[in-house]
Every structure is written in C-alpha cells, then in structure tokens.
Amino acid sequence: MKLGDLLKSFVDENKLDTKGLNQVKVRDVWNSQMGPAIERYTTNLMLKKDTLYVQLSSSVLREELSYGKEKIIRNLNEEMGKQIISKLVLR
C-alpha cells in the first residue's frame, strides 16, 4: 500500500477536513497538468468550495486558457481522483 493511500484512508476513517489537503493537492495537480510554462505565470491559486481561482500574470495567457475551461476542470478533477472543482475563475 502506498503512503498516499494510507493517508487517504486515515483522513477518511477519521472524517478529517480534507479542505487543506485539497488546497495543497490542487496546486500540485495544476502545476503538473499545465506544465512549467503556465506555472511560471501563475501567481496565486486558491480553492474555495468547488471554485478554483487562478491568478495569472499574463492577460494573453488568461484569454487563451479561458477558451478551454471545461477541459481544464475535467483534467484537474480526473488527476485529483474525484469531482472537487466545478468552476474555474481566471484572474
């Protein structure tokens, strides 16, 4: 059994708040899914309830990413292993 699996079962069994864990995991997943080029322009990333707020330093990149929001949400949720994000706000 992997350490990640052990931690997940511990959190689930003890009904611990996973909000903080999701906040950390979503940042890692964003960086791995979007790649180093987009990571460089990402200045802030915050998960509130089911909405992911991403602050970008490039307005051109923000415009480009806005066209693929649904795909980004789908890919991030798939990588997270559960439906956490339902809305993506690019700032």
PDB file of N, CA and C in Angstrom:
ATOM      1  N   MET A   1       0.852  -1.191   0.000  1.00  0.00           N
ATOM      2  CA  MET A   1       0.000   0.000   0.000  1.00  0.00           C
ATOM      3  C   MET A   1       0.889   1.243   0.000  1.00  0.00           C
ATOM      4  N   LYS A   2       0.554   2.206  -0.825  1.00  0.00           N
ATOM      5  CA  LYS A   2       1.325   3.443  -0.926  1.00  0.00           C
ATOM      6  C   LYS A   2       1.033   4.352   0.266  1.00  0.00           C
ATOM      7  N   LEU A   3       1.963   5.253   0.542  1.00  0.00           N
ATOM      8  CA  LEU A   3       1.796   6.208   1.633  1.00  0.00           C
ATOM      9  C   LEU A   3       0.574   7.098   1.387  1.00  0.00           C
ATOM     10  N   GLY A   4       0.387   7.520   0.137  1.00  0.00           N
ATOM     11  CA  GLY A   4      -0.768   8.350  -0.210  1.00  0.00           C
ATOM     12  C   GLY A   4      -2.081   7.656   0.094  1.00  0.00           C
ATOM     13  N   ASP A   5      -2.123   6.345  -0.190  1.00  0.00           N
ATOM     14  CA  ASP A   5      -3.327   5.558   0.086  1.00  0.00           C
ATOM     15  C   ASP A   5      -3.574   5.453   1.590  1.00  0.00           C
ATOM     16  N   LEU A   6      -2.496   5.265   2.335  1.00  0.00           N
ATOM     17  CA  LEU A   6      -2.620   5.197   3.793  1.00  0.00           C
ATOM     18  C   LEU A   6      -3.150   6.510   4.361  1.00  0.00           C
ATOM     19  N   LEU A   7      -2.599   7.614   3.884  1.00  0.00           N
ATOM     20  CA  LEU A   7      -3.049   8.926   4.356  1.00  0.00           C
ATOM     21  C   LEU A   7      -4.516   9.154   4.014  1.00  0.00           C
ATOM     22  N   LYS A   8      -4.902   8.780   2.794  1.00  0.00           N
ATOM     23  CA  LYS A   8      -6.290   8.965   2.378  1.00  0.00           C
ATOM     24  C   LYS A   8      -7.234   8.157   3.262  1.00  0.00           C
ATOM     25  N   SER A   9      -6.879   6.907   3.523  1.00  0.00           N
ATOM     26  CA  SER A   9      -7.756   6.085   4.361  1.00  0.00           C
ATOM     27  C   SER A   9      -7.801   6.628   5.791  1.00  0.00           C
ATOM     28  N   PHE A  10      -6.680   7.137   6.296  1.00  0.00           N
ATOM     29  CA  PHE A  10      -6.647   7.732   7.632  1.00  0.00           C
ATOM     30  C   PHE A  10      -7.572   8.952   7.705  1.00  0.00           C
ATOM     31  N   VAL A  11      -7.489   9.819   6.695  1.00  0.00           N
ATOM     32  CA  VAL A  11      -8.336  11.014   6.646  1.00  0.00           C
ATOM     33  C   VAL A  11      -9.801  10.628   6.552  1.00  0.00           C
ATOM     34  N   ASP A  12     -10.112   9.647   5.689  1.00  0.00           N
ATOM     35  CA  ASP A  12     -11.495   9.203   5.514  1.00  0.00           C
ATOM     36  C   ASP A  12     -12.054   8.561   6.785  1.00  0.00           C
ATOM     37  N   GLU A  13     -11.285   7.674   7.382  1.00  0.00           N
ATOM     38  CA  GLU A  13     -11.743   6.958   8.579  1.00  0.00           C
ATOM     39  C   GLU A  13     -11.977   7.895   9.754  1.00  0.00           C
ATOM     40  N   ASN A  14     -11.135   8.914   9.857  1.00  0.00           N
ATOM     41  CA  ASN A  14     -11.242   9.838  10.982  1.00  0.00           C
ATOM     42  C   ASN A  14     -12.076  11.077  10.654  1.00  0.00           C
ATOM     43  N   LYS A  15     -12.671  11.072   9.449  1.00  0.00           N
ATOM     44  CA  LYS A  15     -13.525  12.175   8.997  1.00  0.00           C
ATOM     45  C   LYS A  15     -12.847  13.529   9.200  1.00  0.00           C
ATOM     46  N   LEU A  16     -11.573  13.574   8.829  1.00  0.00           N
ATOM     47  CA  LEU A  16     -10.811  14.814   8.939  1.00  0.00           C
ATOM     48  C   LEU A  16     -11.174  15.735   7.788  1.00  0.00           C
ATOM     49  N   ASP A  17     -11.030  17.028   8.017  1.00  0.00           N
ATOM     50  CA  ASP A  17     -11.319  18.017   6.988  1.00  0.00           C
ATOM     51  C   ASP A  17     -10.245  17.931   5.912  1.00  0.00           C
ATOM     52  N   THR A  18     -10.649  17.638   4.703  1.00  0.00           N
ATOM     53  CA  THR A  18      -9.685  17.496   3.614  1.00  0.00           C
ATOM     54  C   THR A  18      -9.510  18.794   2.831  1.00  0.00           C
ATOM     55  N   LYS A  19     -10.148  19.866   3.298  1.00  0.00           N
ATOM     56  CA  LYS A  19     -10.069  21.135   2.582  1.00  0.00           C
ATOM     57  C   LYS A  19      -8.618  21.580   2.416  1.00  0.00           C
ATOM     58  N   GLY A  20      -7.846  21.529   3.484  1.00  0.00           N
ATOM     59  CA  GLY A  20      -6.443  21.928   3.426  1.00  0.00           C
ATOM     60  C   GLY A  20      -5.627  21.002   2.542  1.00  0.00           C
ATOM     61  N   LEU A  21      -5.924  19.713   2.623  1.00  0.00           N
ATOM     62  CA  LEU A  21      -5.220  18.744   1.785  1.00  0.00           C
ATOM     63  C   LEU A  21      -5.541  18.983   0.312  1.00  0.00           C
ATOM     64  N   ASN A  22      -6.802  19.266   0.012  1.00  0.00           N
ATOM     65  CA  ASN A  22      -7.197  19.541  -1.375  1.00  0.00           C
ATOM     66  C   ASN A  22      -6.514  20.796  -1.890  1.00  0.00           C
ATOM     67  N   GLN A  23      -6.361  21.797  -1.033  1.00  0.00           N
ATOM     68  CA  GLN A  23      -5.714  23.059  -1.410  1.00  0.00           C
ATOM     69  C   GLN A  23      -4.272  22.790  -1.876  1.00  0.00           C
ATOM     70  N   VAL A  24      -3.572  21.951  -1.133  1.00  0.00           N
ATOM     71  CA  VAL A  24      -2.192  21.613  -1.485  1.00  0.00           C
ATOM     72  C   VAL A  24      -2.159  20.743  -2.729  1.00  0.00           C
ATOM     73  N   LYS A  25      -3.036  19.751  -2.782  1.00  0.00           N
ATOM     74  CA  LYS A  25      -3.042  18.816  -3.906  1.00  0.00           C
ATOM     75  C   LYS A  25      -3.414  19.511  -5.214  1.00  0.00           C
ATOM     76  N   VAL A  26      -4.377  20.435  -5.159  1.00  0.00           N
ATOM     77  CA  VAL A  26      -4.814  21.103  -6.388  1.00  0.00           C
ATOM     78  C   VAL A  26      -3.682  21.959  -6.959  1.00  0.00           C
ATOM     79  N   ARG A  27      -2.853  22.520  -6.101  1.00  0.00           N
ATOM     80  CA  ARG A  27      -1.702  23.301  -6.576  1.00  0.00           C
ATOM     81  C   ARG A  27      -0.709  22.383  -7.304  1.00  0.00           C
ATOM     82  N   ASP A  28      -0.435  21.232  -6.715  1.00  0.00           N
ATOM     83  CA  ASP A  28       0.480  20.270  -7.343  1.00  0.00           C
ATOM     84  C   ASP A  28      -0.080  19.769  -8.671  1.00  0.00           C
ATOM     85  N   VAL A  29      -1.381  19.466  -8.676  1.00  0.00           N
ATOM     86  CA  VAL A  29      -2.022  18.956  -9.890  1.00  0.00           C
ATOM     87  C   VAL A  29      -2.042  20.033 -10.979  1.00  0.00           C
ATOM     88  N   TRP A  30      -2.332  21.282 -10.605  1.00  0.00           N
ATOM     89  CA  TRP A  30      -2.327  22.394 -11.567  1.00  0.00           C
ATOM     90  C   TRP A  30      -0.953  22.484 -12.235  1.00  0.00           C
ATOM     91  N   ASN A  31       0.099  22.489 -11.420  1.00  0.00           N
ATOM     92  CA  ASN A  31       1.450  22.625 -11.957  1.00  0.00           C
ATOM     93  C   ASN A  31       1.839  21.451 -12.838  1.00  0.00           C
ATOM     94  N   SER A  32       1.465  20.235 -12.455  1.00  0.00           N
ATOM     95  CA  SER A  32       1.835  19.077 -13.270  1.00  0.00           C
ATOM     96  C   SER A  32       1.012  19.006 -14.554  1.00  0.00           C
ATOM     97  N   GLN A  33      -0.271  19.349 -14.490  1.00  0.00           N
ATOM     98  CA  GLN A  33      -1.141  19.275 -15.673  1.00  0.00           C
ATOM     99  C   GLN A  33      -0.872  20.419 -16.654  1.00  0.00           C
ATOM    100  N   MET A  34      -0.612  21.609 -16.139  1.00  0.00           N
ATOM    101  CA  MET A  34      -0.480  22.775 -17.009  1.00  0.00           C
ATOM    102  C   MET A  34       0.949  22.965 -17.516  1.00  0.00           C
ATOM    103  N   GLY A  35       1.920  22.405 -16.805  1.00  0.00           N
ATOM    104  CA  GLY A  35       3.306  22.481 -17.247  1.00  0.00           C
ATOM    105  C   GLY A  35       4.049  23.700 -16.728  1.00  0.00           C
ATOM    106  N   PRO A  36       5.381  23.686 -16.889  1.00  0.00           N
ATOM    107  CA  PRO A  36       6.225  24.741 -16.326  1.00  0.00           C
ATOM    108  C   PRO A  36       5.994  26.121 -16.935  1.00  0.00           C
ATOM    109  N   ALA A  37       5.619  26.177 -18.202  1.00  0.00           N
ATOM    110  CA  ALA A  37       5.408  27.485 -18.844  1.00  0.00           C
ATOM    111  C   ALA A  37       4.248  28.231 -18.181  1.00  0.00           C
ATOM    112  N   ILE A  38       3.139  27.536 -17.951  1.00  0.00           N
ATOM    113  CA  ILE A  38       1.975  28.167 -17.321  1.00  0.00           C
ATOM    114  C   ILE A  38       2.215  28.352 -15.824  1.00  0.00           C
ATOM    115  N   GLU A  39       2.934  27.435 -15.221  1.00  0.00           N
ATOM    116  CA  GLU A  39       3.266  27.560 -13.795  1.00  0.00           C
ATOM    117  C   GLU A  39       4.023  28.869 -13.539  1.00  0.00           C
ATOM    118  N   ARG A  40       4.887  29.252 -14.462  1.00  0.00           N
ATOM    119  CA  ARG A  40       5.666  30.484 -14.332  1.00  0.00           C
ATOM    120  C   ARG A  40       4.767  31.730 -14.256  1.00  0.00           C
ATOM    121  N   TYR A  41       3.641  31.693 -14.963  1.00  0.00           N
ATOM    122  CA  TYR A  41       2.732  32.840 -14.999  1.00  0.00           C
ATOM    123  C   TYR A  41       1.639  32.769 -13.938  1.00  0.00           C
ATOM    124  N   THR A  42       1.578  31.676 -13.201  1.00  0.00           N
ATOM    125  CA  THR A  42       0.575  31.515 -12.152  1.00  0.00           C
ATOM    126  C   THR A  42       1.094  32.174 -10.876  1.00  0.00           C
ATOM    127  N   THR A  43       0.441  33.267 -10.464  1.00  0.00           N
ATOM    128  CA  THR A  43       0.914  33.992  -9.277  1.00  0.00           C
ATOM    129  C   THR A  43       0.171  33.578  -8.014  1.00  0.00           C
ATOM    130  N   ASN A  44      -1.055  33.098  -8.150  1.00  0.00           N
ATOM    131  CA  ASN A  44      -1.807  32.647  -6.986  1.00  0.00           C
ATOM    132  C   ASN A  44      -2.841  31.614  -7.424  1.00  0.00           C
ATOM    133  N   LEU A  45      -3.120  30.690  -6.526  1.00  0.00           N
ATOM    134  CA  LEU A  45      -4.070  29.622  -6.813  1.00  0.00           C
ATOM    135  C   LEU A  45      -4.810  29.323  -5.512  1.00  0.00           C
ATOM    136  N   MET A  46      -6.148  29.397  -5.554  1.00  0.00           N
ATOM    137  CA  MET A  46      -6.921  29.202  -4.334  1.00  0.00           C
ATOM    138  C   MET A  46      -8.193  28.420  -4.639  1.00  0.00           C
ATOM    139  N   LEU A  47      -8.456  27.424  -3.817  1.00  0.00           N
ATOM    140  CA  LEU A  47      -9.662  26.615  -3.946  1.00  0.00           C
ATOM    141  C   LEU A  47     -10.630  27.017  -2.847  1.00  0.00           C
ATOM    142  N   LYS A  48     -11.788  27.550  -3.247  1.00  0.00           N
ATOM    143  CA  LYS A  48     -12.841  27.910  -2.293  1.00  0.00           C
ATOM    144  C   LYS A  48     -14.085  27.137  -2.669  1.00  0.00           C
ATOM    145  N   LYS A  49     -14.520  26.270  -1.749  1.00  0.00           N
ATOM    146  CA  LYS A  49     -15.637  25.363  -2.005  1.00  0.00           C
ATOM    147  C   LYS A  49     -15.341  24.576  -3.268  1.00  0.00           C
ATOM    148  N   ASP A  50     -16.118  24.754  -4.327  1.00  0.00           N
ATOM    149  CA  ASP A  50     -15.887  23.995  -5.560  1.00  0.00           C
ATOM    150  C   ASP A  50     -15.357  24.875  -6.688  1.00  0.00           C
ATOM    151  N   THR A  51     -14.849  26.065  -6.336  1.00  0.00           N
ATOM    152  CA  THR A  51     -14.349  27.001  -7.332  1.00  0.00           C
ATOM    153  C   THR A  51     -12.839  27.171  -7.188  1.00  0.00           C
ATOM    154  N   LEU A  52     -12.128  27.025  -8.298  1.00  0.00           N
ATOM    155  CA  LEU A  52     -10.685  27.227  -8.313  1.00  0.00           C
ATOM    156  C   LEU A  52     -10.404  28.603  -8.901  1.00  0.00           C
ATOM    157  N   TYR A  53      -9.772  29.448  -8.104  1.00  0.00           N
ATOM    158  CA  TYR A  53      -9.387  30.793  -8.539  1.00  0.00           C
ATOM    159  C   TYR A  53      -7.908  30.759  -8.900  1.00  0.00           C
ATOM    160  N   VAL A  54      -7.607  31.154 -10.130  1.00  0.00           N
ATOM    161  CA  VAL A  54      -6.220  31.149 -10.601  1.00  0.00           C
ATOM    162  C   VAL A  54      -5.864  32.560 -11.042  1.00  0.00           C
ATOM    163  N   GLN A  55      -4.832  33.103 -10.411  1.00  0.00           N
ATOM    164  CA  GLN A  55      -4.364  34.437 -10.787  1.00  0.00           C
ATOM    165  C   GLN A  55      -3.157  34.275 -11.701  1.00  0.00           C
ATOM    166  N   LEU A  56      -3.239  34.899 -12.855  1.00  0.00           N
ATOM    167  CA  LEU A  56      -2.175  34.793 -13.861  1.00  0.00           C
ATOM    168  C   LEU A  56      -1.580  36.170 -14.131  1.00  0.00           C
ATOM    169  N   SER A  57      -0.277  36.212 -14.375  1.00  0.00           N
ATOM    170  CA  SER A  57       0.392  37.492 -14.624  1.00  0.00           C
ATOM    171  C   SER A  57       0.350  37.895 -16.096  1.00  0.00           C
ATOM    172  N   SER A  58      -0.216  37.043 -16.939  1.00  0.00           N
ATOM    173  CA  SER A  58      -0.289  37.336 -18.372  1.00  0.00           C
ATOM    174  C   SER A  58      -1.749  37.378 -18.829  1.00  0.00           C
ATOM    175  N   SER A  59      -2.167  38.527 -19.328  1.00  0.00           N
ATOM    176  CA  SER A  59      -3.546  38.658 -19.803  1.00  0.00           C
ATOM    177  C   SER A  59      -3.760  37.832 -21.075  1.00  0.00           C
ATOM    178  N   VAL A  60      -2.737  37.694 -21.891  1.00  0.00           N
ATOM    179  CA  VAL A  60      -2.834  36.897 -23.117  1.00  0.00           C
ATOM    180  C   VAL A  60      -3.056  35.425 -22.753  1.00  0.00           C
ATOM    181  N   LEU A  61      -2.297  34.930 -21.795  1.00  0.00           N
ATOM    182  CA  LEU A  61      -2.446  33.548 -21.345  1.00  0.00           C
ATOM    183  C   LEU A  61      -3.819  33.331 -20.718  1.00  0.00           C
ATOM    184  N   ARG A  62      -4.263  34.299 -19.929  1.00  0.00           N
ATOM    185  CA  ARG A  62      -5.590  34.209 -19.295  1.00  0.00           C
ATOM    186  C   ARG A  62      -6.670  34.068 -20.360  1.00  0.00           C
ATOM    187  N   GLU A  63      -6.563  34.838 -21.408  1.00  0.00           N
ATOM    188  CA  GLU A  63      -7.525  34.781 -22.514  1.00  0.00           C
ATOM    189  C   GLU A  63      -7.482  33.425 -23.207  1.00  0.00           C
ATOM    190  N   GLU A  64      -6.285  32.919 -23.472  1.00  0.00           N
ATOM    191  CA  GLU A  64      -6.126  31.614 -24.117  1.00  0.00           C
ATOM    192  C   GLU A  64      -6.727  30.493 -23.277  1.00  0.00           C
ATOM    193  N   LEU A  65      -6.434  30.499 -21.976  1.00  0.00           N
ATOM    194  CA  LEU A  65      -6.926  29.439 -21.098  1.00  0.00           C
ATOM    195  C   LEU A  65      -8.439  29.495 -20.922  1.00  0.00           C
ATOM    196  N   SER A  66      -9.012  30.687 -21.043  1.00  0.00           N
ATOM    197  CA  SER A  66     -10.462  30.827 -20.837  1.00  0.00           C
ATOM    198  C   SER A  66     -11.258  30.031 -21.867  1.00  0.00           C
ATOM    199  N   TYR A  67     -10.672  29.779 -23.038  1.00  0.00           N
ATOM    200  CA  TYR A  67     -11.374  29.012 -24.069  1.00  0.00           C
ATOM    201  C   TYR A  67     -11.465  27.526 -23.732  1.00  0.00           C
ATOM    202  N   GLY A  68     -10.583  27.044 -22.851  1.00  0.00           N
ATOM    203  CA  GLY A  68     -10.571  25.615 -22.545  1.00  0.00           C
ATOM    204  C   GLY A  68     -10.909  25.303 -21.095  1.00  0.00           C
ATOM    205  N   LYS A  69     -11.705  26.150 -20.448  1.00  0.00           N
ATOM    206  CA  LYS A  69     -12.010  25.971 -19.024  1.00  0.00           C
ATOM    207  C   LYS A  69     -12.593  24.601 -18.696  1.00  0.00           C
ATOM    208  N   GLU A  70     -13.550  24.147 -19.491  1.00  0.00           N
ATOM    209  CA  GLU A  70     -14.205  22.864 -19.207  1.00  0.00           C
ATOM    210  C   GLU A  70     -13.203  21.715 -19.261  1.00  0.00           C
ATOM    211  N   LYS A  71     -12.327  21.752 -20.253  1.00  0.00           N
ATOM    212  CA  LYS A  71     -11.320  20.699 -20.397  1.00  0.00           C
ATOM    213  C   LYS A  71     -10.333  20.749 -19.228  1.00  0.00           C
ATOM    214  N   ILE A  72      -9.940  21.950 -18.824  1.00  0.00           N
ATOM    215  CA  ILE A  72      -9.016  22.104 -17.693  1.00  0.00           C
ATOM    216  C   ILE A  72      -9.651  21.537 -16.429  1.00  0.00           C
ATOM    217  N   ILE A  73     -10.906  21.883 -16.178  1.00  0.00           N
ATOM    218  CA  ILE A  73     -11.623  21.389 -14.990  1.00  0.00           C
ATOM    219  C   ILE A  73     -11.688  19.866 -15.022  1.00  0.00           C
ATOM    220  N   ARG A  74     -12.042  19.312 -16.174  1.00  0.00           N
ATOM    221  CA  ARG A  74     -12.150  17.859 -16.327  1.00  0.00           C
ATOM    222  C   ARG A  74     -10.804  17.175 -16.051  1.00  0.00           C
ATOM    223  N   ASN A  75      -9.726  17.720 -16.623  1.00  0.00           N
ATOM    224  CA  ASN A  75      -8.399  17.135 -16.436  1.00  0.00           C
ATOM    225  C   ASN A  75      -7.935  17.229 -14.980  1.00  0.00           C
ATOM    226  N   LEU A  76      -8.185  18.362 -14.332  1.00  0.00           N
ATOM    227  CA  LEU A  76      -7.769  18.531 -12.941  1.00  0.00           C
ATOM    228  C   LEU A  76      -8.528  17.566 -12.031  1.00  0.00           C
ATOM    229  N   ASN A  77      -9.842  17.475 -12.221  1.00  0.00           N
ATOM    230  CA  ASN A  77     -10.646  16.560 -11.402  1.00  0.00           C
ATOM    231  C   ASN A  77     -10.221  15.113 -11.613  1.00  0.00           C
ATOM    232  N   GLU A  78      -9.935  14.758 -12.863  1.00  0.00           N
ATOM    233  CA  GLU A  78      -9.512  13.397 -13.173  1.00  0.00           C
ATOM    234  C   GLU A  78      -8.200  13.079 -12.455  1.00  0.00           C
ATOM    235  N   GLU A  79      -7.281  14.023 -12.480  1.00  0.00           N
ATOM    236  CA  GLU A  79      -5.987  13.829 -11.818  1.00  0.00           C
ATOM    237  C   GLU A  79      -6.126  13.792 -10.295  1.00  0.00           C
ATOM    238  N   MET A  80      -7.098  14.552  -9.765  1.00  0.00           N
ATOM    239  CA  MET A  80      -7.332  14.574  -8.313  1.00  0.00           C
ATOM    240  C   MET A  80      -8.021  13.288  -7.856  1.00  0.00           C
ATOM    241  N   GLY A  81      -8.687  12.606  -8.786  1.00  0.00           N
ATOM    242  CA  GLY A  81      -9.348  11.357  -8.444  1.00  0.00           C
ATOM    243  C   GLY A  81     -10.770  11.528  -7.946  1.00  0.00           C
ATOM    244  N   LYS A  82     -11.270  12.747  -7.936  1.00  0.00           N
ATOM    245  CA  LYS A  82     -12.661  12.998  -7.538  1.00  0.00           C
ATOM    246  C   LYS A  82     -13.099  14.367  -8.029  1.00  0.00           C
ATOM    247  N   GLN A  83     -14.401  14.580  -8.017  1.00  0.00           N
ATOM    248  CA  GLN A  83     -15.000  15.824  -8.500  1.00  0.00           C
ATOM    249  C   GLN A  83     -14.875  16.890  -7.410  1.00  0.00           C
ATOM    250  N   ILE A  84     -13.836  17.715  -7.498  1.00  0.00           N
ATOM    251  CA  ILE A  84     -13.618  18.760  -6.500  1.00  0.00           C
ATOM    252  C   ILE A  84     -13.926  20.133  -7.089  1.00  0.00           C
ATOM    253  N   ILE A  85     -13.531  20.326  -8.342  1.00  0.00           N
ATOM    254  CA  ILE A  85     -13.675  21.631  -8.996  1.00  0.00           C
ATOM    255  C   ILE A  85     -14.852  21.601  -9.959  1.00  0.00           C
ATOM    256  N   SER A  86     -15.761  22.555  -9.820  1.00  0.00           N
ATOM    257  CA  SER A  86     -16.857  22.651 -10.790  1.00  0.00           C
ATOM    258  C   SER A  86     -16.803  23.987 -11.541  1.00  0.00           C
ATOM    259  N   LYS A  87     -15.995  24.933 -11.033  1.00  0.00           N
ATOM    260  CA  LYS A  87     -15.905  26.235 -11.689  1.00  0.00           C
ATOM    261  C   LYS A  87     -14.462  26.701 -11.625  1.00  0.00           C
ATOM    262  N   LEU A  88     -13.996  27.326 -12.732  1.00  0.00           N
ATOM    263  CA  LEU A  88     -12.649  27.853 -12.806  1.00  0.00           C
ATOM    264  C   LEU A  88     -12.735  29.351 -13.101  1.00  0.00           C
ATOM    265  N   VAL A  89     -12.121  30.155 -12.241  1.00  0.00           N
ATOM    266  CA  VAL A  89     -12.112  31.603 -12.415  1.00  0.00           C
ATOM    267  C   VAL A  89     -10.670  32.028 -12.657  1.00  0.00           C
ATOM    268  N   LEU A  90     -10.439  32.602 -13.830  1.00  0.00           N
ATOM    269  CA  LEU A  90      -9.093  33.077 -14.188  1.00  0.00           C
ATOM    270  C   LEU A  90      -9.045  34.576 -13.971  1.00  0.00           C
ATOM    271  N   ARG A  91      -8.062  35.016 -13.221  1.00  0.00           N
ATOM    272  CA  ARG A  91      -7.932  36.455 -12.906  1.00  0.00           C
ATOM    273  C   ARG A  91      -6.623  36.994 -13.443  1.00  0.00           C
TER     274      ARG A  91
END
